[in-house]
Protein backbone atom coordinates (compact mmCIF):
# COMPACT_ATOMS: atom_id res chain seq x y z
CA MET A 1 -9.55 -8.35 -23.75
CA GLU A 2 -7.27 -6.47 -21.36
CA THR A 3 -10.19 -4.87 -19.52
CA LEU A 4 -11.92 -8.25 -19.18
CA LEU A 5 -8.81 -9.83 -17.65
CA PHE A 6 -8.44 -6.91 -15.24
CA SER A 7 -12.07 -7.23 -14.14
CA ILE A 8 -11.74 -11.01 -13.69
CA GLY A 9 -8.71 -10.42 -11.47
CA ILE A 10 -10.61 -8.03 -9.20
CA LEU A 11 -13.64 -10.35 -9.12
CA ALA A 12 -11.47 -13.35 -8.17
CA ILE A 13 -9.77 -11.53 -5.29
CA ILE A 14 -13.05 -10.24 -3.82
CA ALA A 15 -14.77 -13.62 -4.18
CA GLY A 16 -11.76 -15.39 -2.69
CA MET A 17 -11.71 -13.20 0.42
CA MET A 18 -15.44 -13.27 1.04
CA THR A 19 -15.98 -16.98 0.44
CA ARG A 20 -12.76 -17.97 2.26
CA HIS A 21 -11.39 -19.65 -0.88
CA TYR A 22 -8.24 -17.59 -0.53
CA MET A 23 -5.98 -19.89 -2.51
CA LEU A 24 -8.30 -20.27 -5.50
CA GLY A 25 -9.14 -16.56 -5.58
CA GLY A 26 -5.47 -15.61 -5.29
CA ILE A 27 -4.38 -17.97 -8.08
CA VAL A 28 -7.12 -16.85 -10.49
CA GLY A 29 -6.59 -13.19 -9.61
CA ALA A 30 -2.81 -13.32 -9.96
CA GLY A 31 -3.08 -15.25 -13.22
CA SER A 32 -5.53 -12.73 -14.67
CA PHE A 33 -3.36 -9.77 -13.71
CA LEU A 34 -0.22 -11.42 -15.11
CA LEU A 35 -2.00 -12.04 -18.43
CA TYR A 36 -3.31 -8.46 -18.35
CA PHE A 37 0.19 -7.05 -17.94
CA GLY A 38 1.63 -9.50 -20.46
CA LEU A 39 -0.62 -8.22 -23.26
CA TYR A 40 1.09 -4.80 -23.24
CA ASP A 41 4.39 -4.49 -25.07
CA ASN A 42 5.54 -1.32 -23.33
CA GLY A 43 5.11 -2.58 -19.78
CA SER A 44 7.81 -3.39 -17.27
CA TRP A 45 8.40 -5.36 -14.09
CA LEU A 46 8.41 -2.07 -12.19
CA SER A 47 4.84 -1.37 -13.32
CA LEU A 48 3.78 -4.86 -12.26
CA LEU A 49 5.45 -4.50 -8.85
CA LEU A 50 3.82 -1.10 -8.29
CA PHE A 51 0.41 -2.54 -9.13
CA ALA A 52 1.01 -5.55 -6.86
CA LEU A 53 2.08 -3.23 -4.02
CA GLY A 54 -1.01 -1.09 -4.52
CA THR A 55 -3.24 -4.17 -4.42
CA ILE A 56 -1.61 -5.37 -1.20
CA LEU A 57 -2.11 -1.96 0.42
CA ILE A 58 -5.80 -1.88 -0.55
CA ILE A 59 -6.35 -5.39 0.86
CA SER A 60 -4.46 -4.37 4.02
CA GLU A 61 -6.92 -1.51 4.48
CA VAL A 62 -9.72 -4.09 4.66
CA PHE A 63 -8.10 -6.05 7.48
CA LEU A 64 -6.23 -3.19 9.20
CA PRO A 65 -8.53 -0.16 8.92
CA THR A 66 -6.51 3.08 8.79
CA TYR A 67 -9.38 5.46 8.02
CA GLY A 68 -8.75 5.06 4.31
CA ILE A 69 -5.05 5.98 4.33
CA LEU A 70 -3.75 2.60 3.13
CA GLY A 71 -6.61 2.33 0.65
CA ILE A 72 -5.91 5.74 -0.91
CA VAL A 73 -2.14 5.16 -1.04
CA GLY A 74 -2.73 1.71 -2.53
CA LEU A 75 -5.07 3.11 -5.18
CA LEU A 76 -2.53 5.78 -6.15
CA VAL A 77 0.39 3.33 -6.28
CA GLY A 78 -1.65 0.77 -8.23
CA SER A 79 -2.84 3.44 -10.67
CA TRP A 80 0.75 4.58 -11.16
CA GLY A 81 1.67 1.02 -12.07
CA LEU A 82 -1.23 0.77 -14.51
CA ILE A 83 -0.33 4.06 -16.18
CA GLY A 84 3.26 2.89 -16.58
CA GLN A 85 1.96 -0.34 -18.09
CA THR A 86 -0.56 1.05 -20.57
CA ALA A 87 1.22 4.36 -21.24
CA GLU A 88 -2.26 5.83 -21.66
CA ILE A 89 -4.11 7.55 -18.82
CA GLY A 90 -7.39 7.09 -20.69
CA ASP A 91 -6.95 3.30 -20.89
CA THR A 92 -6.04 3.19 -17.21
CA ILE A 93 -9.16 5.15 -16.24
CA VAL A 94 -11.38 2.85 -18.32
CA ASP A 95 -9.86 -0.32 -16.84
CA LEU A 96 -10.04 1.00 -13.27
CA THR A 97 -13.61 2.24 -13.65
CA ILE A 98 -14.93 -1.01 -15.08
CA GLY A 99 -12.93 -3.04 -12.57
CA ILE A 100 -14.24 -1.02 -9.62
CA VAL A 101 -17.84 -1.34 -10.86
CA VAL A 102 -17.42 -5.11 -11.24
CA GLY A 103 -15.92 -5.28 -7.74
CA ILE A 104 -18.75 -3.28 -6.18
CA VAL A 105 -21.43 -5.38 -7.87
CA ALA A 106 -19.72 -8.62 -6.83
CA PHE A 107 -19.34 -7.38 -3.25
CA TYR A 108 -23.03 -6.39 -3.11
CA ILE A 109 -24.21 -9.75 -4.45
CA LEU A 110 -22.02 -11.74 -2.05
CA VAL A 111 -23.21 -9.67 0.92
CA LYS A 112 -26.81 -10.34 -0.10
CA LEU A 113 -25.99 -14.06 -0.21
CA GLY A 114 -24.73 -13.89 3.37
CA TYR A 115 -20.97 -13.69 2.80
CA ARG A 116 -18.69 -11.12 4.34
CA ILE A 117 -15.01 -10.26 4.59
CA PRO A 118 -13.58 -12.06 7.65
CA PHE A 119 -12.25 -9.29 9.89
CA ASN A 120 -9.76 -10.38 12.55
CA ASP A 121 -11.56 -8.93 15.52
CA GLN A 122 -12.93 -10.38 18.70
CA ILE A 123 -16.44 -11.76 18.50
CA VAL A 124 -18.60 -9.11 20.13
CA LEU A 125 -22.35 -9.38 20.21
CA LYS A 126 -23.73 -6.63 17.99
CA THR A 127 -27.32 -6.20 19.11
CA SER A 128 -29.73 -3.84 20.82
CA LEU A 129 -29.26 -5.77 24.10
CA ASN A 130 -32.59 -7.52 23.93
CA LYS A 131 -32.31 -9.81 26.97
CA GLU A 132 -35.54 -11.59 26.15
CA ARG A 133 -33.82 -13.03 23.09
CA GLY A 134 -30.66 -13.92 24.95
CA TYR A 135 -28.44 -11.12 23.71
CA GLN A 136 -25.49 -10.06 25.83
CA SER A 137 -23.17 -7.06 25.60
CA GLN A 138 -19.92 -8.43 27.02
CA ARG A 139 -17.03 -9.92 25.12
CA VAL A 140 -16.75 -13.68 25.18
CA SER A 141 -13.82 -16.07 25.02
CA VAL A 142 -14.30 -17.98 21.80
CA ALA A 143 -12.00 -20.80 22.96
CA ASP A 144 -14.54 -21.70 25.66
CA TYR A 145 -17.11 -22.64 23.00
CA VAL A 146 -15.10 -25.35 21.22
CA SER A 147 -17.11 -28.63 21.21
CA LYS A 148 -20.25 -26.85 22.47
CA GLU A 149 -23.55 -27.20 20.66
CA ALA A 150 -25.86 -24.44 19.49
CA VAL A 151 -28.95 -23.87 17.36
CA THR A 152 -28.71 -21.66 14.29
CA LEU A 153 -30.93 -18.59 14.24
CA THR A 154 -30.11 -17.65 10.66
CA PRO A 155 -28.84 -19.60 7.64
CA LEU A 156 -25.05 -19.93 7.55
CA ARG A 157 -23.84 -18.96 4.05
CA PRO A 158 -21.23 -19.22 5.45
CA THR A 159 -21.75 -16.87 8.43
CA GLY A 160 -24.77 -16.29 10.63
CA LYS A 161 -26.05 -16.31 14.21
CA ALA A 162 -26.48 -19.21 16.60
CA THR A 163 -27.72 -19.43 20.17
CA PHE A 164 -25.80 -21.47 22.76
CA THR A 165 -27.08 -23.22 25.87
CA ASP A 166 -25.68 -20.44 28.09
CA GLY A 167 -27.92 -17.90 26.39
CA GLN A 168 -25.23 -16.31 24.25
CA ILE A 169 -26.11 -15.52 20.64
CA LEU A 170 -22.89 -15.37 18.66
CA GLU A 171 -21.74 -15.12 15.11
CA VAL A 172 -20.58 -18.46 13.75
CA MET A 173 -19.25 -19.68 10.43
CA SER A 174 -20.10 -22.90 8.65
CA ASP A 175 -17.15 -25.16 7.91
CA ASN A 176 -17.47 -25.81 4.15
CA GLU A 177 -21.25 -26.29 3.92
CA VAL A 178 -24.46 -24.28 3.85
CA ILE A 179 -26.50 -24.77 7.02
CA GLY A 180 -30.10 -23.66 7.36
CA SER A 181 -31.73 -21.93 10.29
CA ASP A 182 -33.02 -23.82 13.36
CA GLU A 183 -30.43 -26.59 12.97
CA ARG A 184 -28.21 -28.08 15.69
CA VAL A 185 -24.54 -27.39 15.18
CA VAL A 186 -21.36 -27.97 17.14
CA VAL A 187 -18.24 -25.82 17.29
CA VAL A 188 -15.35 -27.77 15.77
CA SER A 189 -12.58 -25.17 15.94
CA VAL A 190 -11.64 -21.51 16.19
CA ARG A 191 -9.98 -19.78 13.27
CA ASN A 192 -9.03 -16.10 13.34
CA ASN A 193 -11.27 -15.66 16.40
CA GLN A 194 -14.25 -17.07 14.49
CA LEU A 195 -16.26 -20.08 15.60
CA LEU A 196 -16.34 -22.75 12.89
CA VAL A 197 -19.34 -25.08 13.18
CA ARG A 198 -20.76 -28.21 11.55
CA ARG A 199 -24.10 -29.95 11.76
CA VAL A 200 -24.23 -32.24 14.78
CA ASN A 201 -24.94 -35.29 12.66
CA HIS A 202 -21.87 -34.56 10.53
CA VAL A 203 -19.41 -34.78 13.42
């Protein structure tokens, strides 16, 4: 039961980040971890705080890449908290191993479905500079594209590519709906340097 709750917590956090349902993923993940820690009689608040700190450091590594430093420190701190909670290194290894496997499988499936972790970087065209297809290499100001229309080149689940009237092909994100390819969309806002779009007939 404990291992299942731990795996559900990891799954909820990964799914929440990649599908942008941060609140739901955070609530389910936090609830699962609290139940996980509550099932052990020899645990303590210190163990829970160490695990929470380790989790925060690992998530920070995703958004603020430090060449693995934050991730490694977070894994060590979180493991320390788990060992203090279970009082058994063997149980900790089993829970971590199963949880990591579940996380990797969930991440792989979500990537295949078109989801990704929303990095807070500038939108830069990542292509082989094929001018015939409208690709450009320079950075663009995302604020200039608010209210502009485009045509999707790939399905948005929720992210994908769209081509604008100025020839730019940029990464865009659907605002709470799945949009197919070759559909007209309009930019409704910018969030974390990402262009949020809706179908034209939905505006």
